[in-house]
Amino acid sequence: MPHVQVVGECRLRDLREALGDFQTGAPPLLMRIRETFVNAPGTQLLLEAIVIEGYLRQSFFLLVRSEARGVLVRCHPASPVEKTTGVKTLIARVGAQIVARCPGTEIGHTNLAEFL
């Protein structure tokens, strides 16, 4: 499962607005976060994502989850999505956006290093 860990202090509620207007890419690859949802305790952030790669259009959810050392970004386990280059790129860019928005954080364990 593709994922990016961001190590350090970061509040998910603070990321909701910043990630809600995320859009990047140029044809044939377009990536966008359409909506954001935070659970009541503020421990999980759900991102409604869309990735368009040429003819393939995928809508799915990314899960940003608080952990002891920081946050983890990955595809939601209940969201069926083909793990294409575009999906992996989106996960990596969301991780990079989190690092940019949360001073003192850094990328931890990931299996997407080539996309960062």
N, C-alpha and C. Protein backbone atom coordinates (compact mmCIF):
# COMPACT_ATOMS: atom_id res chain seq x y z
N MET A 1 0.84 -1.18 0.00
CA MET A 1 0.00 0.00 0.00
C MET A 1 0.89 1.24 0.00
N PRO A 2 0.75 2.10 -1.00
CA PRO A 2 1.57 3.32 -1.04
C PRO A 2 1.23 4.24 0.13
N HIS A 3 2.27 4.81 0.74
CA HIS A 3 2.06 5.68 1.90
C HIS A 3 3.24 6.62 2.10
N VAL A 4 2.97 7.70 2.84
CA VAL A 4 4.01 8.64 3.26
C VAL A 4 3.77 8.95 4.73
N GLN A 5 4.80 8.82 5.52
CA GLN A 5 4.74 9.19 6.94
C GLN A 5 5.40 10.57 7.08
N VAL A 6 4.72 11.45 7.80
CA VAL A 6 5.28 12.75 8.12
C VAL A 6 5.55 12.74 9.62
N VAL A 7 6.82 12.92 9.99
CA VAL A 7 7.24 12.84 11.38
C VAL A 7 7.30 14.25 11.97
N GLY A 8 6.67 14.42 13.12
CA GLY A 8 6.68 15.71 13.80
C GLY A 8 5.28 16.13 14.18
N GLU A 9 5.19 17.25 14.86
CA GLU A 9 3.92 17.77 15.36
C GLU A 9 3.11 18.43 14.25
N CYS A 10 1.89 17.96 14.06
CA CYS A 10 1.01 18.53 13.04
C CYS A 10 -0.43 18.25 13.41
N ARG A 11 -1.25 19.31 13.46
CA ARG A 11 -2.67 19.16 13.78
C ARG A 11 -3.46 19.02 12.48
N LEU A 12 -4.24 17.95 12.40
CA LEU A 12 -5.00 17.69 11.18
C LEU A 12 -6.05 18.77 10.92
N ARG A 13 -6.62 19.33 11.95
CA ARG A 13 -7.62 20.40 11.76
C ARG A 13 -7.01 21.59 11.04
N ASP A 14 -5.72 21.85 11.28
CA ASP A 14 -5.04 22.96 10.61
C ASP A 14 -4.80 22.68 9.13
N LEU A 15 -4.77 21.41 8.75
CA LEU A 15 -4.50 21.03 7.37
C LEU A 15 -5.75 21.00 6.50
N ARG A 16 -6.90 20.96 7.13
CA ARG A 16 -8.15 20.78 6.38
C ARG A 16 -8.32 21.83 5.28
N GLU A 17 -8.20 23.09 5.62
CA GLU A 17 -8.39 24.15 4.65
C GLU A 17 -7.25 24.17 3.62
N ALA A 18 -6.03 23.98 4.10
CA ALA A 18 -4.86 24.04 3.20
C ALA A 18 -4.91 22.95 2.13
N LEU A 19 -5.33 21.76 2.50
CA LEU A 19 -5.38 20.66 1.54
C LEU A 19 -6.66 20.67 0.72
N GLY A 20 -7.68 21.38 1.19
CA GLY A 20 -8.96 21.41 0.49
C GLY A 20 -8.91 22.07 -0.87
N ASP A 21 -7.95 22.94 -1.09
CA ASP A 21 -7.85 23.60 -2.41
C ASP A 21 -6.67 23.10 -3.22
N PHE A 22 -6.19 21.90 -2.90
CA PHE A 22 -5.04 21.32 -3.59
C PHE A 22 -5.43 20.88 -4.99
N GLN A 23 -4.69 21.37 -5.96
CA GLN A 23 -4.88 20.98 -7.36
C GLN A 23 -3.55 21.16 -8.07
N THR A 24 -3.14 20.17 -8.84
CA THR A 24 -1.87 20.25 -9.53
C THR A 24 -1.89 19.38 -10.78
N GLY A 25 -0.92 19.59 -11.61
CA GLY A 25 -0.76 18.78 -12.81
C GLY A 25 -1.15 19.51 -14.07
N ALA A 26 -0.87 18.86 -15.16
CA ALA A 26 -1.22 19.36 -16.49
C ALA A 26 -1.51 18.12 -17.34
N PRO A 27 -2.43 18.23 -18.29
CA PRO A 27 -2.76 17.06 -19.09
C PRO A 27 -1.50 16.39 -19.63
N PRO A 28 -1.42 15.10 -19.58
CA PRO A 28 -2.47 14.13 -19.34
C PRO A 28 -2.67 13.75 -17.87
N LEU A 29 -1.94 14.35 -16.92
CA LEU A 29 -2.08 14.01 -15.50
C LEU A 29 -2.62 15.20 -14.72
N LEU A 30 -3.79 15.04 -14.14
CA LEU A 30 -4.39 16.07 -13.30
C LEU A 30 -4.74 15.44 -11.95
N MET A 31 -4.47 16.16 -10.85
CA MET A 31 -4.74 15.67 -9.51
C MET A 31 -5.42 16.77 -8.72
N ARG A 32 -6.48 16.40 -7.99
CA ARG A 32 -7.22 17.40 -7.24
C ARG A 32 -7.84 16.80 -5.99
N ILE A 33 -7.84 17.57 -4.90
CA ILE A 33 -8.59 17.23 -3.69
C ILE A 33 -9.88 18.02 -3.77
N ARG A 34 -11.02 17.33 -3.75
CA ARG A 34 -12.31 18.00 -3.91
C ARG A 34 -12.92 18.42 -2.59
N GLU A 35 -12.85 17.59 -1.58
CA GLU A 35 -13.46 17.88 -0.27
C GLU A 35 -12.57 17.31 0.82
N THR A 36 -12.70 17.88 2.01
CA THR A 36 -11.97 17.39 3.17
C THR A 36 -12.95 17.19 4.33
N PHE A 37 -12.69 16.17 5.12
CA PHE A 37 -13.55 15.85 6.26
C PHE A 37 -12.65 15.47 7.44
N VAL A 38 -12.90 16.05 8.61
CA VAL A 38 -12.15 15.72 9.82
C VAL A 38 -13.11 15.03 10.79
N ASN A 39 -12.66 13.93 11.42
CA ASN A 39 -13.54 13.29 12.39
C ASN A 39 -13.59 14.13 13.67
N ALA A 40 -14.53 13.83 14.55
CA ALA A 40 -14.78 14.64 15.75
C ALA A 40 -13.54 14.78 16.64
N PRO A 41 -12.80 13.71 16.92
CA PRO A 41 -11.61 13.88 17.77
C PRO A 41 -10.44 14.58 17.08
N GLY A 42 -10.51 14.74 15.75
CA GLY A 42 -9.42 15.38 15.01
C GLY A 42 -8.24 14.48 14.77
N THR A 43 -8.47 13.17 14.75
CA THR A 43 -7.38 12.20 14.57
C THR A 43 -7.29 11.66 13.14
N GLN A 44 -8.33 11.90 12.34
CA GLN A 44 -8.33 11.43 10.96
C GLN A 44 -8.89 12.51 10.05
N LEU A 45 -8.23 12.66 8.92
CA LEU A 45 -8.65 13.61 7.88
C LEU A 45 -8.89 12.79 6.62
N LEU A 46 -10.09 12.89 6.08
CA LEU A 46 -10.45 12.17 4.87
C LEU A 46 -10.45 13.16 3.72
N LEU A 47 -9.75 12.83 2.64
CA LEU A 47 -9.63 13.69 1.47
C LEU A 47 -10.28 13.02 0.28
N GLU A 48 -11.30 13.66 -0.30
CA GLU A 48 -11.92 13.14 -1.50
C GLU A 48 -11.05 13.58 -2.68
N ALA A 49 -10.47 12.63 -3.37
CA ALA A 49 -9.48 12.92 -4.41
C ALA A 49 -9.96 12.46 -5.77
N ILE A 50 -9.42 13.12 -6.78
CA ILE A 50 -9.65 12.69 -8.16
C ILE A 50 -8.31 12.77 -8.89
N VAL A 51 -7.99 11.73 -9.63
CA VAL A 51 -6.78 11.68 -10.44
C VAL A 51 -7.19 11.30 -11.85
N ILE A 52 -6.76 12.11 -12.80
CA ILE A 52 -7.04 11.84 -14.21
C ILE A 52 -5.70 11.63 -14.90
N GLU A 53 -5.55 10.44 -15.47
CA GLU A 53 -4.33 10.07 -16.20
C GLU A 53 -4.74 9.64 -17.59
N GLY A 54 -4.69 10.58 -18.50
CA GLY A 54 -5.12 10.28 -19.86
C GLY A 54 -6.58 9.89 -19.88
N TYR A 55 -6.86 8.66 -20.27
CA TYR A 55 -8.23 8.18 -20.35
C TYR A 55 -8.76 7.67 -19.01
N LEU A 56 -7.89 7.41 -18.05
CA LEU A 56 -8.29 6.83 -16.76
C LEU A 56 -8.63 7.92 -15.76
N ARG A 57 -9.86 7.89 -15.25
CA ARG A 57 -10.32 8.86 -14.25
C ARG A 57 -10.70 8.08 -13.01
N GLN A 58 -10.04 8.40 -11.87
CA GLN A 58 -10.31 7.69 -10.62
C GLN A 58 -10.71 8.67 -9.52
N SER A 59 -11.79 8.36 -8.85
CA SER A 59 -12.22 9.11 -7.67
C SER A 59 -12.09 8.16 -6.48
N PHE A 60 -11.48 8.63 -5.41
CA PHE A 60 -11.21 7.78 -4.26
C PHE A 60 -10.96 8.67 -3.04
N PHE A 61 -10.72 8.05 -1.90
CA PHE A 61 -10.43 8.78 -0.67
C PHE A 61 -9.01 8.50 -0.20
N LEU A 62 -8.34 9.57 0.24
CA LEU A 62 -7.07 9.44 0.94
C LEU A 62 -7.35 9.59 2.42
N LEU A 63 -6.63 8.87 3.24
CA LEU A 63 -6.75 8.96 4.68
C LEU A 63 -5.46 9.55 5.24
N VAL A 64 -5.59 10.62 6.01
CA VAL A 64 -4.46 11.19 6.74
C VAL A 64 -4.77 10.92 8.21
N ARG A 65 -3.95 10.09 8.84
CA ARG A 65 -4.23 9.60 10.19
C ARG A 65 -3.13 10.01 11.16
N SER A 66 -3.52 10.53 12.31
CA SER A 66 -2.55 10.86 13.37
C SER A 66 -1.96 9.58 13.94
N GLU A 67 -0.66 9.64 14.19
CA GLU A 67 0.04 8.54 14.83
C GLU A 67 0.91 9.10 15.94
N ALA A 68 1.55 8.24 16.69
CA ALA A 68 2.38 8.68 17.81
C ALA A 68 3.50 9.62 17.37
N ARG A 69 4.11 9.37 16.21
CA ARG A 69 5.26 10.17 15.76
C ARG A 69 4.90 11.25 14.75
N GLY A 70 3.63 11.31 14.31
CA GLY A 70 3.24 12.29 13.30
C GLY A 70 1.95 11.89 12.63
N VAL A 71 1.95 11.92 11.29
CA VAL A 71 0.76 11.52 10.52
C VAL A 71 1.16 10.59 9.38
N LEU A 72 0.19 9.80 8.93
CA LEU A 72 0.40 8.86 7.84
C LEU A 72 -0.62 9.17 6.75
N VAL A 73 -0.15 9.26 5.50
CA VAL A 73 -1.01 9.52 4.34
C VAL A 73 -1.03 8.26 3.49
N ARG A 74 -2.24 7.78 3.17
CA ARG A 74 -2.39 6.60 2.32
C ARG A 74 -3.79 6.56 1.74
N CYS A 75 -4.04 5.66 0.82
CA CYS A 75 -5.39 5.46 0.30
C CYS A 75 -6.24 4.85 1.41
N HIS A 76 -7.48 5.29 1.48
CA HIS A 76 -8.38 4.70 2.48
C HIS A 76 -8.58 3.23 2.13
N PRO A 77 -8.51 2.34 3.12
CA PRO A 77 -8.59 0.90 2.83
C PRO A 77 -9.91 0.48 2.18
N ALA A 78 -10.99 1.22 2.39
CA ALA A 78 -12.28 0.86 1.79
C ALA A 78 -12.49 1.50 0.42
N SER A 79 -11.50 2.21 -0.05
CA SER A 79 -11.61 2.93 -1.32
C SER A 79 -10.89 2.15 -2.42
N PRO A 80 -11.64 1.49 -3.31
CA PRO A 80 -10.99 0.72 -4.38
C PRO A 80 -10.36 1.66 -5.41
N VAL A 81 -9.07 1.57 -5.54
CA VAL A 81 -8.36 2.43 -6.48
C VAL A 81 -7.17 1.66 -7.05
N GLU A 82 -6.92 1.86 -8.31
CA GLU A 82 -5.74 1.29 -8.95
C GLU A 82 -4.55 2.16 -8.56
N LYS A 83 -3.51 1.56 -8.02
CA LYS A 83 -2.34 2.31 -7.53
C LYS A 83 -1.44 2.68 -8.70
N THR A 84 -1.89 3.64 -9.48
CA THR A 84 -1.16 4.10 -10.66
C THR A 84 -0.09 5.11 -10.27
N THR A 85 0.69 5.51 -11.25
CA THR A 85 1.70 6.54 -11.03
C THR A 85 1.05 7.83 -10.54
N GLY A 86 -0.10 8.20 -11.09
CA GLY A 86 -0.78 9.42 -10.66
C GLY A 86 -1.26 9.36 -9.23
N VAL A 87 -1.79 8.22 -8.80
CA VAL A 87 -2.24 8.05 -7.42
C VAL A 87 -1.05 8.14 -6.47
N LYS A 88 0.04 7.50 -6.81
CA LYS A 88 1.25 7.54 -5.98
C LYS A 88 1.81 8.96 -5.92
N THR A 89 1.78 9.65 -7.05
CA THR A 89 2.26 11.04 -7.09
C THR A 89 1.40 11.92 -6.19
N LEU A 90 0.09 11.75 -6.22
CA LEU A 90 -0.80 12.54 -5.37
C LEU A 90 -0.49 12.29 -3.89
N ILE A 91 -0.34 11.05 -3.49
CA ILE A 91 -0.02 10.74 -2.09
C ILE A 91 1.28 11.43 -1.69
N ALA A 92 2.29 11.35 -2.53
CA ALA A 92 3.58 11.98 -2.23
C ALA A 92 3.44 13.50 -2.14
N ARG A 93 2.68 14.11 -3.03
CA ARG A 93 2.53 15.57 -3.00
C ARG A 93 1.71 16.04 -1.81
N VAL A 94 0.73 15.26 -1.39
CA VAL A 94 -0.01 15.59 -0.17
C VAL A 94 0.94 15.53 1.03
N GLY A 95 1.79 14.52 1.08
CA GLY A 95 2.79 14.43 2.15
C GLY A 95 3.72 15.63 2.15
N ALA A 96 4.16 16.05 0.96
CA ALA A 96 5.04 17.22 0.85
C ALA A 96 4.32 18.49 1.28
N GLN A 97 3.03 18.62 0.96
CA GLN A 97 2.24 19.77 1.38
C GLN A 97 2.12 19.83 2.90
N ILE A 98 1.96 18.67 3.53
CA ILE A 98 1.87 18.62 4.99
C ILE A 98 3.18 19.10 5.60
N VAL A 99 4.30 18.65 5.07
CA VAL A 99 5.61 19.10 5.56
C VAL A 99 5.74 20.61 5.39
N ALA A 100 5.29 21.14 4.27
CA ALA A 100 5.38 22.58 4.02
C ALA A 100 4.49 23.38 4.97
N ARG A 101 3.38 22.81 5.39
CA ARG A 101 2.42 23.52 6.26
C ARG A 101 2.69 23.35 7.74
N CYS A 102 3.48 22.37 8.12
CA CYS A 102 3.75 22.09 9.53
C CYS A 102 5.25 22.24 9.80
N PRO A 103 5.68 23.40 10.26
CA PRO A 103 7.11 23.62 10.52
C PRO A 103 7.68 22.58 11.50
N GLY A 104 8.87 22.14 11.22
CA GLY A 104 9.55 21.18 12.09
C GLY A 104 9.26 19.73 11.75
N THR A 105 8.45 19.49 10.72
CA THR A 105 8.17 18.11 10.33
C THR A 105 9.08 17.70 9.18
N GLU A 106 9.14 16.41 8.95
CA GLU A 106 9.93 15.87 7.85
C GLU A 106 9.32 14.56 7.39
N ILE A 107 9.69 14.16 6.19
CA ILE A 107 9.23 12.88 5.66
C ILE A 107 9.93 11.76 6.42
N GLY A 108 9.12 10.81 6.90
CA GLY A 108 9.65 9.64 7.59
C GLY A 108 9.65 8.46 6.65
N HIS A 109 9.12 7.33 7.11
CA HIS A 109 9.07 6.11 6.30
C HIS A 109 8.09 6.29 5.15
N THR A 110 8.51 5.87 3.97
CA THR A 110 7.64 5.92 2.79
C THR A 110 8.11 4.88 1.79
N ASN A 111 7.19 4.42 0.98
CA ASN A 111 7.57 3.58 -0.15
C ASN A 111 7.37 4.35 -1.46
N LEU A 112 7.32 5.68 -1.35
CA LEU A 112 7.13 6.55 -2.51
C LEU A 112 8.26 7.55 -2.68
N ALA A 113 9.45 7.20 -2.25
CA ALA A 113 10.58 8.13 -2.28
C ALA A 113 10.83 8.68 -3.69
N GLU A 114 10.64 7.87 -4.72
CA GLU A 114 10.90 8.34 -6.09
C GLU A 114 9.87 9.36 -6.56
N PHE A 115 8.77 9.52 -5.84
CA PHE A 115 7.74 10.49 -6.20
C PHE A 115 7.85 11.80 -5.41
N LEU A 116 8.74 11.84 -4.43
CA LEU A 116 8.89 13.03 -3.59
C LEU A 116 9.86 14.03 -4.20
